[in-house]
Amino acid sequence: LLLSWRFGSCDGCRMWWLYQILACVFLVIVATAEWQYQRFWKQIVAAGNPAEIGFTRMLYLLHLLFDRERMHLVASICDTELPICLRAPILWMVAKLMGCNLKEVKGSLDSFRTIGDFFSREIVDGARQIDAAPGVVVSPADARILALGCVSHPNARVAQVSVKGTTFSLPGLLGVDPFVELAKDRELMYVALHLGPGDYHRFHAPATFTVDAGRRFSGEGLPVSPLVTGRTNDVF
């Protein structure tokens, strides 16, 4: 009995020390993350934060989890060529996980070389009805509308998800304030669209127009699910 009590107490000591070590590791991780957050926040404040971006701890956590390097890794995996014999079963599982409608996919599953090719797949003709009425602006993507409205003043914050009340800085997203150069007889409107993982991911012109200039917007690969954008501001 004495020996069993001693062995039991030793096991209890080991577990106690294990819990203490895990708790210390957790505290170190939290302290390091908080230090980095405060460091980034000071840099934003030092720059003046002209776009008034609300850099919260949640947004910083998203930057840690979904920064460019990790998104590049995911992209490289998606661009890896699949063996022909495995394409159909792998892409079928991917389609089921993402909720894709395979009936509207143009071509067979084994015709897609990579997961990325399947992600940017074509759909069969007639799968989407396009309104051809004069003056109509159609959606540029196969998406759900999360917010829609007018911009009425410079340096505006607009709705990210209307029903959740979250917003993002329009100048912060674009790098410039489009309201500043707006003609007096014009109205500036915005729409926030969300494409789910299983949606058709090609983009089309919403109307007949001429492109005068283009601009590349740099940023992180943050998740844009309403589960995220409905809880924190400035997710772009």
Protein backbone atom coordinates (compact mmCIF):
# COMPACT_ATOMS: atom_id res chain seq x y z
CA LEU A 1 0.00 0.00 0.00
CA LEU A 2 2.84 2.37 0.88
CA LEU A 3 4.57 1.70 -2.46
CA SER A 4 1.37 2.23 -4.42
CA TRP A 5 0.74 5.51 -2.57
CA ARG A 6 4.27 6.70 -3.39
CA PHE A 7 3.93 5.80 -7.06
CA GLY A 8 0.54 7.49 -7.14
CA SER A 9 1.94 10.62 -5.54
CA CYS A 10 4.80 10.69 -8.06
CA ASP A 11 2.31 10.47 -10.91
CA GLY A 12 0.40 13.32 -9.31
CA CYS A 13 3.60 15.38 -9.11
CA ARG A 14 4.36 14.75 -12.76
CA MET A 15 0.89 15.88 -13.78
CA TRP A 16 1.15 18.94 -11.53
CA TRP A 17 4.47 19.93 -13.14
CA LEU A 18 3.07 19.26 -16.62
CA TYR A 19 0.15 21.60 -15.93
CA GLN A 20 2.53 24.25 -14.62
CA ILE A 21 4.73 24.00 -17.73
CA LEU A 22 1.73 24.21 -20.06
CA ALA A 23 0.41 27.21 -18.15
CA CYS A 24 3.79 28.96 -18.42
CA VAL A 25 4.02 28.25 -22.16
CA PHE A 26 0.50 29.62 -22.61
CA LEU A 27 1.34 32.78 -20.67
CA VAL A 28 4.51 33.31 -22.71
CA ILE A 29 2.54 32.97 -25.97
CA VAL A 30 -0.13 35.41 -24.76
CA ALA A 31 2.47 37.90 -23.52
CA THR A 32 4.41 37.72 -26.80
CA ALA A 33 1.24 38.20 -28.86
CA GLU A 34 0.21 41.18 -26.73
CA TRP A 35 3.68 42.72 -27.06
CA GLN A 36 3.56 42.35 -30.84
CA TYR A 37 0.05 43.81 -30.94
CA GLN A 38 1.13 46.87 -28.95
CA ARG A 39 4.16 47.23 -31.24
CA PHE A 40 2.04 47.18 -34.40
CA TRP A 41 -0.50 49.55 -32.86
CA LYS A 42 2.24 52.08 -32.03
CA GLN A 43 3.41 51.94 -35.66
CA ILE A 44 -0.12 52.68 -36.88
CA VAL A 45 -0.47 55.58 -34.43
CA ALA A 46 2.95 56.93 -35.43
CA ALA A 47 1.84 56.95 -39.08
CA GLY A 48 -1.19 59.01 -38.08
CA ASN A 49 -3.72 56.30 -39.03
CA PRO A 50 -5.28 58.59 -41.67
CA ALA A 51 -7.88 55.99 -42.64
CA GLU A 52 -8.94 55.53 -38.99
CA ILE A 53 -8.54 51.77 -39.15
CA GLY A 54 -9.61 50.06 -35.95
CA PHE A 55 -6.68 47.67 -35.43
CA THR A 56 -8.20 45.43 -32.74
CA ARG A 57 -6.71 42.36 -31.12
CA MET A 58 -9.08 40.20 -33.16
CA LEU A 59 -7.81 41.77 -36.39
CA TYR A 60 -4.22 41.29 -35.26
CA LEU A 61 -4.94 37.62 -34.51
CA LEU A 62 -6.34 37.21 -38.03
CA HIS A 63 -3.14 38.78 -39.41
CA LEU A 64 -1.09 36.23 -37.46
CA LEU A 65 -3.12 33.26 -38.67
CA PHE A 66 -3.69 34.35 -42.28
CA ASP A 67 -0.65 36.39 -43.27
CA ARG A 68 0.77 36.37 -46.81
CA GLU A 69 3.33 33.62 -46.18
CA ARG A 70 0.68 31.17 -44.97
CA MET A 71 -1.64 32.10 -47.83
CA HIS A 72 1.22 31.50 -50.28
CA LEU A 73 1.66 28.03 -48.77
CA VAL A 74 -2.04 27.28 -49.22
CA ALA A 75 -1.89 28.60 -52.79
CA SER A 76 1.11 26.40 -53.60
CA ILE A 77 -0.78 23.35 -52.32
CA CYS A 78 -3.82 24.26 -54.42
CA ASP A 79 -1.58 24.69 -57.50
CA THR A 80 0.04 21.26 -57.12
CA GLU A 81 -0.87 19.03 -60.08
CA LEU A 82 -2.98 16.04 -59.10
CA PRO A 83 -2.44 12.56 -60.56
CA ILE A 84 -5.09 11.84 -63.20
CA CYS A 85 -6.36 8.77 -61.36
CA LEU A 86 -6.89 10.76 -58.15
CA ARG A 87 -8.39 13.93 -59.58
CA ALA A 88 -12.03 12.84 -59.57
CA PRO A 89 -12.14 11.44 -55.98
CA ILE A 90 -10.08 14.30 -54.49
CA LEU A 91 -12.06 17.03 -56.25
CA TRP A 92 -15.34 15.31 -55.39
CA MET A 93 -14.38 15.46 -51.69
CA VAL A 94 -13.30 19.10 -52.08
CA ALA A 95 -16.61 19.91 -53.78
CA LYS A 96 -18.59 18.29 -50.99
CA LEU A 97 -16.61 20.11 -48.30
CA MET A 98 -17.07 23.47 -50.03
CA GLY A 99 -20.71 22.88 -50.98
CA CYS A 100 -20.19 23.10 -54.75
CA ASN A 101 -23.02 22.33 -57.15
CA LEU A 102 -21.40 19.75 -59.42
CA LYS A 103 -24.35 19.77 -61.82
CA GLU A 104 -23.34 23.20 -63.14
CA VAL A 105 -19.61 22.47 -63.49
CA LYS A 106 -18.43 22.65 -67.09
CA GLY A 107 -16.33 19.58 -67.83
CA SER A 108 -15.52 16.43 -65.91
CA LEU A 109 -13.67 16.47 -62.59
CA ASP A 110 -10.62 14.71 -64.03
CA SER A 111 -10.21 17.57 -66.53
CA PHE A 112 -9.01 19.90 -63.73
CA ARG A 113 -5.26 19.61 -63.18
CA THR A 114 -5.22 21.22 -59.73
CA ILE A 115 -7.55 22.22 -56.90
CA GLY A 116 -6.94 25.82 -57.96
CA ASP A 117 -8.19 25.05 -61.47
CA PHE A 118 -11.35 23.56 -60.00
CA PHE A 119 -11.77 26.57 -57.70
CA SER A 120 -11.79 28.92 -60.73
CA ARG A 121 -13.90 26.56 -62.85
CA GLU A 122 -16.32 27.52 -65.59
CA ILE A 123 -20.02 26.75 -65.31
CA VAL A 124 -22.33 25.50 -68.04
CA ASP A 125 -24.05 27.99 -70.31
CA GLY A 126 -27.38 29.18 -68.97
CA ALA A 127 -26.60 28.38 -65.32
CA ARG A 128 -27.07 32.08 -64.46
CA GLN A 129 -29.78 34.29 -65.91
CA ILE A 130 -28.41 37.75 -66.80
CA ASP A 131 -30.81 40.70 -66.73
CA ALA A 132 -30.38 42.50 -70.06
CA ALA A 133 -32.71 45.43 -69.28
CA PRO A 134 -31.27 48.91 -70.12
CA GLY A 135 -29.59 50.66 -67.21
CA VAL A 136 -29.24 47.51 -65.12
CA VAL A 137 -25.99 46.81 -63.25
CA VAL A 138 -25.60 43.10 -62.58
CA SER A 139 -23.48 41.51 -59.89
CA PRO A 140 -19.87 41.03 -61.04
CA ALA A 141 -19.64 37.79 -59.07
CA ASP A 142 -21.71 34.82 -57.97
CA ALA A 143 -22.11 36.25 -54.48
CA ARG A 144 -24.43 37.29 -51.68
CA ILE A 145 -24.94 40.98 -50.88
CA LEU A 146 -23.81 41.75 -47.33
CA ALA A 147 -24.16 45.53 -47.50
CA LEU A 148 -25.34 48.17 -49.95
CA GLY A 149 -25.51 51.93 -49.65
CA CYS A 150 -24.39 55.45 -50.59
CA VAL A 151 -21.26 57.31 -49.54
CA SER A 152 -22.29 60.78 -48.39
CA HIS A 153 -19.09 62.31 -47.01
CA PRO A 154 -15.28 62.09 -47.32
CA ASN A 155 -13.19 59.66 -45.27
CA ALA A 156 -16.26 57.48 -44.92
CA ARG A 157 -16.70 54.22 -43.09
CA VAL A 158 -19.19 51.98 -44.86
CA ALA A 159 -21.03 48.85 -43.80
CA GLN A 160 -19.14 45.59 -43.95
CA VAL A 161 -22.11 43.44 -42.91
CA SER A 162 -25.28 45.53 -42.58
CA VAL A 163 -27.13 43.31 -40.11
CA LYS A 164 -24.06 43.06 -37.83
CA GLY A 165 -23.18 46.76 -37.80
CA THR A 166 -19.50 46.23 -38.66
CA THR A 167 -17.78 48.75 -40.95
CA PHE A 168 -14.58 49.28 -42.90
CA SER A 169 -12.69 52.40 -43.95
CA LEU A 170 -13.23 53.09 -47.65
CA PRO A 171 -10.00 55.16 -47.99
CA GLY A 172 -8.21 52.46 -46.00
CA LEU A 173 -9.29 49.81 -48.50
CA LEU A 174 -8.65 51.81 -51.66
CA GLY A 175 -5.64 53.85 -50.56
CA VAL A 176 -7.41 57.00 -51.79
CA ASP A 177 -10.71 58.66 -50.97
CA PRO A 178 -12.99 58.38 -54.03
CA PHE A 179 -15.43 60.90 -52.57
CA VAL A 180 -12.88 63.72 -52.88
CA GLU A 181 -12.84 63.58 -56.69
CA LEU A 182 -16.59 62.93 -57.04
CA ALA A 183 -18.39 65.33 -59.40
CA LYS A 184 -21.27 67.30 -57.87
CA ASP A 185 -23.87 65.71 -60.14
CA ARG A 186 -22.69 62.18 -59.29
CA GLU A 187 -23.56 59.77 -56.50
CA LEU A 188 -21.06 57.31 -55.02
CA MET A 189 -22.47 53.93 -54.05
CA TYR A 190 -20.88 50.77 -52.69
CA VAL A 191 -21.80 47.12 -52.33
CA ALA A 192 -20.11 44.44 -50.21
CA LEU A 193 -20.30 41.00 -51.82
CA HIS A 194 -19.34 37.66 -50.29
CA LEU A 195 -18.36 34.59 -52.27
CA GLY A 196 -18.56 31.34 -50.33
CA PRO A 197 -15.90 28.65 -50.92
CA GLY A 198 -18.30 26.66 -53.10
CA ASP A 199 -19.43 29.58 -55.25
CA TYR A 200 -18.46 30.18 -58.86
CA HIS A 201 -15.26 32.25 -58.58
CA ARG A 202 -14.97 34.02 -61.92
CA PHE A 203 -15.67 37.73 -62.26
CA HIS A 204 -17.52 39.47 -65.08
CA ALA A 205 -18.15 43.07 -66.10
CA PRO A 206 -21.32 44.29 -64.32
CA ALA A 207 -22.15 46.66 -67.20
CA THR A 208 -20.82 47.93 -70.52
CA PHE A 209 -18.01 50.34 -69.70
CA THR A 210 -14.49 51.38 -70.59
CA VAL A 211 -11.56 50.81 -68.22
CA ASP A 212 -9.41 53.96 -68.07
CA ALA A 213 -6.98 52.89 -65.35
CA GLY A 214 -6.13 49.99 -63.10
CA ARG A 215 -4.63 49.71 -59.65
CA ARG A 216 -3.32 46.80 -57.62
CA PHE A 217 -4.31 46.76 -53.95
CA SER A 218 -1.89 45.03 -51.63
CA GLY A 219 -3.15 43.33 -48.50
CA GLU A 220 -3.38 40.19 -46.43
CA GLY A 221 -5.33 37.03 -47.22
CA LEU A 222 -7.80 37.49 -44.38
CA PRO A 223 -10.94 35.33 -44.27
CA VAL A 224 -14.01 37.27 -45.42
CA SER A 225 -16.69 34.94 -44.09
CA PRO A 226 -19.59 36.81 -42.39
CA LEU A 227 -18.64 34.87 -39.26
CA VAL A 228 -15.48 37.02 -39.23
CA THR A 229 -16.56 40.25 -40.94
CA GLY A 230 -19.66 40.37 -38.76
CA ARG A 231 -17.56 40.48 -35.60
CA THR A 232 -14.65 42.84 -36.31
CA ASN A 233 -14.17 45.98 -38.40
CA ASP A 234 -11.73 46.66 -41.26
CA VAL A 235 -11.34 43.11 -42.56
CA PHE A 236 -9.78 43.60 -45.99
